PDB file of N, CA and C in Angstrom:
ATOM      1  N   UNK A   1      -2.197 -13.054 142.971  1.00  0.00           N
ATOM      2  CA  UNK A   1      -2.374 -13.384 144.605  1.00  0.00           C
ATOM      3  C   UNK A   1      -2.979 -12.283 145.226  1.00  0.00           C
ATOM      4  N   UNK A   2      -4.057 -12.302 145.965  1.00  0.00           N
ATOM      5  CA  UNK A   2      -4.842 -11.132 146.643  1.00  0.00           C
ATOM      6  C   UNK A   2      -4.034 -10.599 147.792  1.00  0.00           C
ATOM      7  N   UNK A   3      -4.024  -9.401 147.775  1.00  0.00           N
ATOM      8  CA  UNK A   3      -3.362  -8.704 148.984  1.00  0.00           C
ATOM      9  C   UNK A   3      -4.333  -8.732 150.358  1.00  0.00           C
ATOM     10  N   UNK A   4      -3.707  -9.303 151.444  1.00  0.00           N
ATOM     11  CA  UNK A   4      -4.458  -9.355 152.432  1.00  0.00           C
ATOM     12  C   UNK A   4      -4.540  -8.030 153.405  1.00  0.00           C
ATOM     13  N   UNK A   5      -5.727  -7.478 153.541  1.00  0.00           N
ATOM     14  CA  UNK A   5      -6.032  -6.402 154.405  1.00  0.00           C
ATOM     15  C   UNK A   5      -6.216  -6.657 155.794  1.00  0.00           C
ATOM     16  N   UNK A   6      -5.084  -6.329 156.802  1.00  0.00           N
ATOM     17  CA  UNK A   6      -5.208  -6.835 157.991  1.00  0.00           C
ATOM     18  C   UNK A   6      -6.399  -6.004 158.647  1.00  0.00           C
ATOM     19  N   UNK A   7      -6.340  -4.715 158.545  1.00  0.00           N
ATOM     20  CA  UNK A   7      -7.518  -4.094 159.192  1.00  0.00           C
ATOM     21  C   UNK A   7      -8.931  -4.521 159.067  1.00  0.00           C
ATOM     22  N   UNK A   8      -9.078  -5.009 157.728  1.00  0.00           N
ATOM     23  CA  UNK A   8     -10.441  -5.655 157.568  1.00  0.00           C
ATOM     24  C   UNK A   8     -10.586  -6.910 158.328  1.00  0.00           C
ATOM     25  N   UNK A   9      -9.611  -7.679 158.545  1.00  0.00           N
ATOM     26  CA  UNK A   9      -9.777  -8.791 159.250  1.00  0.00           C
ATOM     27  C   UNK A   9     -10.000  -8.469 160.840  1.00  0.00           C
ATOM     28  N   UNK A  10      -9.214  -7.345 161.302  1.00  0.00           N
ATOM     29  CA  UNK A  10      -9.593  -7.140 162.617  1.00  0.00           C
ATOM     30  C   UNK A  10     -11.033  -6.637 162.952  1.00  0.00           C
ATOM     31  N   UNK A  11     -11.497  -5.728 161.853  1.00  0.00           N
ATOM     32  CA  UNK A  11     -12.914  -5.232 162.060  1.00  0.00           C
ATOM     33  C   UNK A  11     -13.903  -6.422 161.885  1.00  0.00           C
ATOM     34  N   UNK A  12     -13.619  -7.552 161.195  1.00  0.00           N
ATOM     35  CA  UNK A  12     -14.448  -8.557 161.125  1.00  0.00           C
ATOM     36  C   UNK A  12     -14.436  -9.365 162.477  1.00  0.00           C
ATOM     37  N   UNK A  13     -13.176  -9.427 163.030  1.00  0.00           N
ATOM     38  CA  UNK A  13     -13.165 -10.077 164.284  1.00  0.00           C
ATOM     39  C   UNK A  13     -14.057  -9.192 165.512  1.00  0.00           C
ATOM     40  N   UNK A  14     -13.920  -8.069 165.468  1.00  0.00           N
ATOM     41  CA  UNK A  14     -14.650  -7.300 166.367  1.00  0.00           C
ATOM     42  C   UNK A  14     -16.173  -7.409 166.114  1.00  0.00           C
ATOM     43  N   UNK A  15     -16.386  -7.501 164.788  1.00  0.00           N
ATOM     44  CA  UNK A  15     -17.891  -7.393 164.382  1.00  0.00           C
ATOM     45  C   UNK A  15     -18.613  -8.846 164.809  1.00  0.00           C
ATOM     46  N   UNK A  16     -17.690  -9.820 164.740  1.00  0.00           N
ATOM     47  CA  UNK A  16     -18.173 -11.303 165.042  1.00  0.00           C
ATOM     48  C   UNK A  16     -18.427 -11.325 166.418  1.00  0.00           C
ATOM     49  N   UNK A  17     -17.384 -10.891 167.267  1.00  0.00           N
ATOM     50  CA  UNK A  17     -17.417 -10.766 168.866  1.00  0.00           C
ATOM     51  C   UNK A  17     -18.779 -10.006 169.141  1.00  0.00           C
ATOM     52  N   UNK A  18     -19.048  -8.768 168.543  1.00  0.00           N
ATOM     53  CA  UNK A  18     -20.177  -7.885 168.954  1.00  0.00           C
ATOM     54  C   UNK A  18     -21.427  -8.728 168.652  1.00  0.00           C
ATOM     55  N   UNK A  19     -21.590  -9.305 167.477  1.00  0.00           N
ATOM     56  CA  UNK A  19     -22.739 -10.052 167.129  1.00  0.00           C
ATOM     57  C   UNK A  19     -22.898 -11.181 168.232  1.00  0.00           C
ATOM     58  N   UNK A  20     -21.909 -11.736 168.418  1.00  0.00           N
ATOM     59  CA  UNK A  20     -22.246 -12.960 169.668  1.00  0.00           C
ATOM     60  C   UNK A  20     -22.653 -12.403 170.891  1.00  0.00           C
ATOM     61  N   UNK A  21     -22.183 -11.277 171.139  1.00  0.00           N
ATOM     62  CA  UNK A  21     -22.720 -10.593 172.371  1.00  0.00           C
ATOM     63  C   UNK A  21     -24.151 -10.053 172.319  1.00  0.00           C
ATOM     64  N   UNK A  22     -24.404  -9.549 171.061  1.00  0.00           N
ATOM     65  CA  UNK A  22     -25.699  -9.193 170.846  1.00  0.00           C
ATOM     66  C   UNK A  22     -26.800 -10.546 171.049  1.00  0.00           C
ATOM     67  N   UNK A  23     -26.346 -11.653 170.391  1.00  0.00           N
ATOM     68  CA  UNK A  23     -27.371 -12.779 170.611  1.00  0.00           C
ATOM     69  C   UNK A  23     -27.253 -13.374 171.844  1.00  0.00           C
ATOM     70  N   UNK A  24     -26.343 -13.350 172.581  1.00  0.00           N
ATOM     71  CA  UNK A  24     -26.304 -13.841 173.877  1.00  0.00           C
ATOM     72  C   UNK A  24     -26.970 -13.078 175.067  1.00  0.00           C
ATOM     73  N   UNK A  25     -26.984 -11.676 174.550  1.00  0.00           N
ATOM     74  CA  UNK A  25     -27.617 -10.708 175.477  1.00  0.00           C
ATOM     75  C   UNK A  25     -29.195 -10.932 175.395  1.00  0.00           C
ATOM     76  N   UNK A  26     -29.800 -11.664 174.278  1.00  0.00           N
ATOM     77  CA  UNK A  26     -31.113 -11.695 174.230  1.00  0.00           C
ATOM     78  C   UNK A  26     -31.740 -12.878 175.099  1.00  0.00           C
ATOM     79  N   UNK A  27     -30.771 -13.873 175.616  1.00  0.00           N
ATOM     80  CA  UNK A  27     -31.148 -14.670 176.655  1.00  0.00           C
ATOM     81  C   UNK A  27     -31.523 -13.941 177.984  1.00  0.00           C
ATOM     82  N   UNK A  28     -32.764 -14.072 178.339  1.00  0.00           N
ATOM     83  CA  UNK A  28     -33.163 -13.168 179.589  1.00  0.00           C
ATOM     84  C   UNK A  28     -33.768 -14.254 180.546  1.00  0.00           C
ATOM     85  N   UNK A  29     -33.207 -13.939 181.792  1.00  0.00           N
ATOM     86  CA  UNK A  29     -33.757 -14.642 182.978  1.00  0.00           C
ATOM     87  C   UNK A  29     -34.064 -13.478 183.998  1.00  0.00           C
ATOM     88  N   UNK A  30     -34.921 -14.070 185.050  1.00  0.00           N
ATOM     89  CA  UNK A  30     -35.047 -12.969 186.021  1.00  0.00           C
ATOM     90  C   UNK A  30     -33.765 -12.608 186.857  1.00  0.00           C
ATOM     91  N   UNK A  31     -32.813 -13.479 186.843  1.00  0.00           N
ATOM     92  CA  UNK A  31     -31.503 -13.257 187.549  1.00  0.00           C
ATOM     93  C   UNK A  31     -30.636 -12.102 186.700  1.00  0.00           C
ATOM     94  N   UNK A  32     -30.807 -12.368 185.424  1.00  0.00           N
ATOM     95  CA  UNK A  32     -29.756 -11.231 184.677  1.00  0.00           C
ATOM     96  C   UNK A  32     -30.557  -9.873 184.528  1.00  0.00           C
ATOM     97  N   UNK A  33     -31.822  -9.774 184.398  1.00  0.00           N
ATOM     98  CA  UNK A  33     -32.576  -8.703 184.469  1.00  0.00           C
ATOM     99  C   UNK A  33     -32.420  -8.174 183.245  1.00  0.00           C
ATOM    100  N   UNK A  34     -33.181  -7.061 182.770  1.00  0.00           N
ATOM    101  CA  UNK A  34     -33.309  -6.462 181.442  1.00  0.00           C
ATOM    102  C   UNK A  34     -32.323  -5.280 181.417  1.00  0.00           C
ATOM    103  N   UNK A  35     -31.852  -4.621 182.540  1.00  0.00           N
ATOM    104  CA  UNK A  35     -31.060  -3.425 182.397  1.00  0.00           C
ATOM    105  C   UNK A  35     -29.757  -3.807 181.745  1.00  0.00           C
ATOM    106  N   UNK A  36     -29.081  -5.040 182.482  1.00  0.00           N
ATOM    107  CA  UNK A  36     -27.869  -5.363 181.977  1.00  0.00           C
ATOM    108  C   UNK A  36     -27.981  -5.884 180.383  1.00  0.00           C
ATOM    109  N   UNK A  37     -29.037  -6.593 179.929  1.00  0.00           N
ATOM    110  CA  UNK A  37     -29.097  -6.739 178.578  1.00  0.00           C
ATOM    111  C   UNK A  37     -29.274  -5.568 177.661  1.00  0.00           C
ATOM    112  N   UNK A  38     -29.814  -4.598 178.083  1.00  0.00           N
ATOM    113  CA  UNK A  38     -30.006  -3.311 177.256  1.00  0.00           C
ATOM    114  C   UNK A  38     -28.624  -2.641 177.158  1.00  0.00           C
ATOM    115  N   UNK A  39     -27.862  -2.859 178.297  1.00  0.00           N
ATOM    116  CA  UNK A  39     -26.634  -2.026 178.240  1.00  0.00           C
ATOM    117  C   UNK A  39     -25.771  -2.557 177.194  1.00  0.00           C
ATOM    118  N   UNK A  40     -25.637  -4.131 177.198  1.00  0.00           N
ATOM    119  CA  UNK A  40     -24.994  -4.838 176.264  1.00  0.00           C
ATOM    120  C   UNK A  40     -25.355  -4.604 174.769  1.00  0.00           C
ATOM    121  N   UNK A  41     -26.784  -4.600 174.712  1.00  0.00           N
ATOM    122  CA  UNK A  41     -27.292  -4.421 173.250  1.00  0.00           C
ATOM    123  C   UNK A  41     -26.753  -2.985 172.815  1.00  0.00           C
ATOM    124  N   UNK A  42     -27.095  -1.988 173.621  1.00  0.00           N
ATOM    125  CA  UNK A  42     -26.586  -0.654 173.054  1.00  0.00           C
ATOM    126  C   UNK A  42     -25.023  -0.412 172.822  1.00  0.00           C
ATOM    127  N   UNK A  43     -24.346  -1.146 173.518  1.00  0.00           N
ATOM    128  CA  UNK A  43     -22.852  -1.128 173.172  1.00  0.00           C
ATOM    129  C   UNK A  43     -22.404  -1.689 171.922  1.00  0.00           C
ATOM    130  N   UNK A  44     -22.976  -2.977 171.777  1.00  0.00           N
ATOM    131  CA  UNK A  44     -22.668  -3.792 170.747  1.00  0.00           C
ATOM    132  C   UNK A  44     -23.579  -3.785 169.338  1.00  0.00           C
ATOM    133  N   UNK A  45     -24.511  -2.872 169.341  1.00  0.00           N
ATOM    134  CA  UNK A  45     -25.311  -2.791 168.276  1.00  0.00           C
ATOM    135  C   UNK A  45     -24.531  -2.247 166.894  1.00  0.00           C
ATOM    136  N   UNK A  46     -23.555  -1.635 167.001  1.00  0.00           N
ATOM    137  CA  UNK A  46     -22.686  -1.206 165.577  1.00  0.00           C
ATOM    138  C   UNK A  46     -22.100  -2.284 164.897  1.00  0.00           C
ATOM    139  N   UNK A  47     -22.377  -3.592 165.507  1.00  0.00           N
ATOM    140  CA  UNK A  47     -21.642  -4.633 164.739  1.00  0.00           C
ATOM    141  C   UNK A  47     -22.299  -4.778 163.420  1.00  0.00           C
ATOM    142  N   UNK A  48     -23.706  -4.631 163.320  1.00  0.00           N
ATOM    143  CA  UNK A  48     -24.434  -4.871 162.058  1.00  0.00           C
ATOM    144  C   UNK A  48     -23.757  -3.730 161.106  1.00  0.00           C
ATOM    145  N   UNK A  49     -23.647  -2.580 161.444  1.00  0.00           N
ATOM    146  CA  UNK A  49     -23.074  -1.419 160.659  1.00  0.00           C
ATOM    147  C   UNK A  49     -21.622  -1.824 160.165  1.00  0.00           C
ATOM    148  N   UNK A  50     -20.829  -2.421 161.014  1.00  0.00           N
ATOM    149  CA  UNK A  50     -19.566  -3.065 160.807  1.00  0.00           C
ATOM    150  C   UNK A  50     -19.534  -3.915 159.637  1.00  0.00           C
ATOM    151  N   UNK A  51     -20.457  -4.876 159.770  1.00  0.00           N
ATOM    152  CA  UNK A  51     -20.455  -6.003 158.559  1.00  0.00           C
ATOM    153  C   UNK A  51     -20.780  -5.316 157.353  1.00  0.00           C
ATOM    154  N   UNK A  52     -21.798  -4.320 157.384  1.00  0.00           N
ATOM    155  CA  UNK A  52     -22.215  -3.666 155.915  1.00  0.00           C
ATOM    156  C   UNK A  52     -21.125  -2.814 155.652  1.00  0.00           C
ATOM    157  N   UNK A  53     -20.239  -2.158 156.445  1.00  0.00           N
ATOM    158  CA  UNK A  53     -19.239  -1.225 155.953  1.00  0.00           C
ATOM    159  C   UNK A  53     -17.957  -2.178 155.337  1.00  0.00           C
ATOM    160  N   UNK A  54     -17.687  -3.424 156.078  1.00  0.00           N
ATOM    161  CA  UNK A  54     -16.754  -4.230 155.574  1.00  0.00           C
ATOM    162  C   UNK A  54     -17.060  -4.910 154.179  1.00  0.00           C
ATOM    163  N   UNK A  55     -18.365  -5.026 154.131  1.00  0.00           N
ATOM    164  CA  UNK A  55     -18.777  -5.617 152.784  1.00  0.00           C
ATOM    165  C   UNK A  55     -18.497  -4.636 151.657  1.00  0.00           C
ATOM    166  N   UNK A  56     -18.922  -3.325 152.045  1.00  0.00           N
ATOM    167  CA  UNK A  56     -18.789  -2.335 150.924  1.00  0.00           C
ATOM    168  C   UNK A  56     -17.428  -1.780 150.636  1.00  0.00           C
ATOM    169  N   UNK A  57     -16.529  -1.958 151.853  1.00  0.00           N
ATOM    170  CA  UNK A  57     -15.111  -1.762 151.593  1.00  0.00           C
ATOM    171  C   UNK A  57     -14.460  -2.662 150.600  1.00  0.00           C
ATOM    172  N   UNK A  58     -14.977  -4.004 150.690  1.00  0.00           N
ATOM    173  CA  UNK A  58     -14.531  -4.895 149.906  1.00  0.00           C
ATOM    174  C   UNK A  58     -14.908  -5.017 148.651  1.00  0.00           C
ATOM    175  N   UNK A  59     -15.834  -4.272 148.131  1.00  0.00           N
ATOM    176  CA  UNK A  59     -16.462  -4.294 146.887  1.00  0.00           C
ATOM    177  C   UNK A  59     -15.971  -2.776 146.023  1.00  0.00           C
ATOM    178  N   UNK A  60     -15.408  -2.010 146.772  1.00  0.00           N
ATOM    179  CA  UNK A  60     -15.005  -0.876 146.149  1.00  0.00           C
ATOM    180  C   UNK A  60     -13.942  -1.200 145.128  1.00  0.00           C
ATOM    181  N   UNK A  61     -14.162  -0.540 144.065  1.00  0.00           N
ATOM    182  CA  UNK A  61     -13.325  -0.828 142.800  1.00  0.00           C
ATOM    183  C   UNK A  61     -13.292  -2.235 142.338  1.00  0.00           C
ATOM    184  N   UNK A  62     -14.200  -3.016 142.443  1.00  0.00           N
ATOM    185  CA  UNK A  62     -14.284  -4.422 142.020  1.00  0.00           C
ATOM    186  C   UNK A  62     -14.150  -4.607 140.665  1.00  0.00           C
ATOM    187  N   UNK A  63     -14.587  -3.532 139.833  1.00  0.00           N
ATOM    188  CA  UNK A  63     -14.343  -3.678 138.468  1.00  0.00           C
ATOM    189  C   UNK A  63     -12.899  -3.382 137.958  1.00  0.00           C
ATOM    190  N   UNK A  64     -12.007  -3.009 138.799  1.00  0.00           N
ATOM    191  CA  UNK A  64     -10.610  -3.243 138.613  1.00  0.00           C
ATOM    192  C   UNK A  64      -9.918  -4.546 138.607  1.00  0.00           C
ATOM    193  N   UNK A  65     -10.833  -5.320 139.456  1.00  0.00           N
ATOM    194  CA  UNK A  65     -10.275  -6.765 139.572  1.00  0.00           C
ATOM    195  C   UNK A  65     -10.881  -7.659 138.497  1.00  0.00           C
ATOM    196  N   UNK A  66     -11.961  -7.604 138.395  1.00  0.00           N
ATOM    197  CA  UNK A  66     -12.846  -8.563 137.367  1.00  0.00           C
ATOM    198  C   UNK A  66     -13.993  -7.827 136.899  1.00  0.00           C
ATOM    199  N   UNK A  67     -14.772  -8.394 135.999  1.00  0.00           N
ATOM    200  CA  UNK A  67     -15.804  -7.926 135.405  1.00  0.00           C
ATOM    201  C   UNK A  67     -17.181  -8.432 136.221  1.00  0.00           C
ATOM    202  N   UNK A  68     -18.326  -7.697 135.984  1.00  0.00           N
ATOM    203  CA  UNK A  68     -19.405  -8.037 136.838  1.00  0.00           C
ATOM    204  C   UNK A  68     -20.022  -9.494 136.683  1.00  0.00           C
ATOM    205  N   UNK A  69     -19.794 -10.004 135.632  1.00  0.00           N
ATOM    206  CA  UNK A  69     -20.103 -11.520 135.434  1.00  0.00           C
ATOM    207  C   UNK A  69     -19.366 -12.355 136.268  1.00  0.00           C
ATOM    208  N   UNK A  70     -18.067 -12.093 136.338  1.00  0.00           N
ATOM    209  CA  UNK A  70     -17.283 -12.879 137.216  1.00  0.00           C
ATOM    210  C   UNK A  70     -17.409 -12.676 138.602  1.00  0.00           C
ATOM    211  N   UNK A  71     -17.820 -11.392 138.990  1.00  0.00           N
ATOM    212  CA  UNK A  71     -18.180 -11.159 140.397  1.00  0.00           C
ATOM    213  C   UNK A  71     -19.285 -11.944 140.902  1.00  0.00           C
ATOM    214  N   UNK A  72     -20.435 -11.754 140.121  1.00  0.00           N
ATOM    215  CA  UNK A  72     -21.338 -12.721 140.459  1.00  0.00           C
ATOM    216  C   UNK A  72     -21.350 -14.123 140.606  1.00  0.00           C
ATOM    217  N   UNK A  73     -20.532 -14.665 139.551  1.00  0.00           N
ATOM    218  CA  UNK A  73     -20.207 -16.032 139.635  1.00  0.00           C
ATOM    219  C   UNK A  73     -19.550 -16.406 140.921  1.00  0.00           C
ATOM    220  N   UNK A  74     -18.478 -15.473 141.527  1.00  0.00           N
ATOM    221  CA  UNK A  74     -17.909 -15.826 142.479  1.00  0.00           C
ATOM    222  C   UNK A  74     -18.751 -15.584 143.892  1.00  0.00           C
ATOM    223  N   UNK A  75     -19.739 -14.871 143.795  1.00  0.00           N
ATOM    224  CA  UNK A  75     -20.670 -14.634 144.766  1.00  0.00           C
ATOM    225  C   UNK A  75     -21.469 -15.961 144.829  1.00  0.00           C
ATOM    226  N   UNK A  76     -22.058 -16.465 143.815  1.00  0.00           N
ATOM    227  CA  UNK A  76     -22.671 -17.783 143.929  1.00  0.00           C
ATOM    228  C   UNK A  76     -21.996 -18.783 144.161  1.00  0.00           C
ATOM    229  N   UNK A  77     -20.614 -18.909 143.922  1.00  0.00           N
ATOM    230  CA  UNK A  77     -19.738 -20.082 144.305  1.00  0.00           C
ATOM    231  C   UNK A  77     -19.644 -19.951 145.891  1.00  0.00           C
ATOM    232  N   UNK A  78     -19.791 -18.801 146.590  1.00  0.00           N
ATOM    233  CA  UNK A  78     -19.642 -18.738 147.903  1.00  0.00           C
ATOM    234  C   UNK A  78     -20.894 -19.234 148.507  1.00  0.00           C
ATOM    235  N   UNK A  79     -21.985 -18.997 147.853  1.00  0.00           N
ATOM    236  CA  UNK A  79     -23.418 -19.537 148.740  1.00  0.00           C
ATOM    237  C   UNK A  79     -23.371 -21.030 148.585  1.00  0.00           C
TER     238      UNK A  79
END
């Protein structure tokens, strides 16, 4: 059984929320203006980096868990 890492889940939750904020801030109307959209985008832009770092953290020492063939077969199952 795999050990669940709570901090990874928390980072994923934060990153998902930040991506939602990024996408919703791209909706522009004259009432909302571009300044507020720019502020929202600058605050939540690290979401992309959080996803990359989380993916890398989950792949560290994957060879201790299984071989490369099994790893790629699991990746293909997820797609």
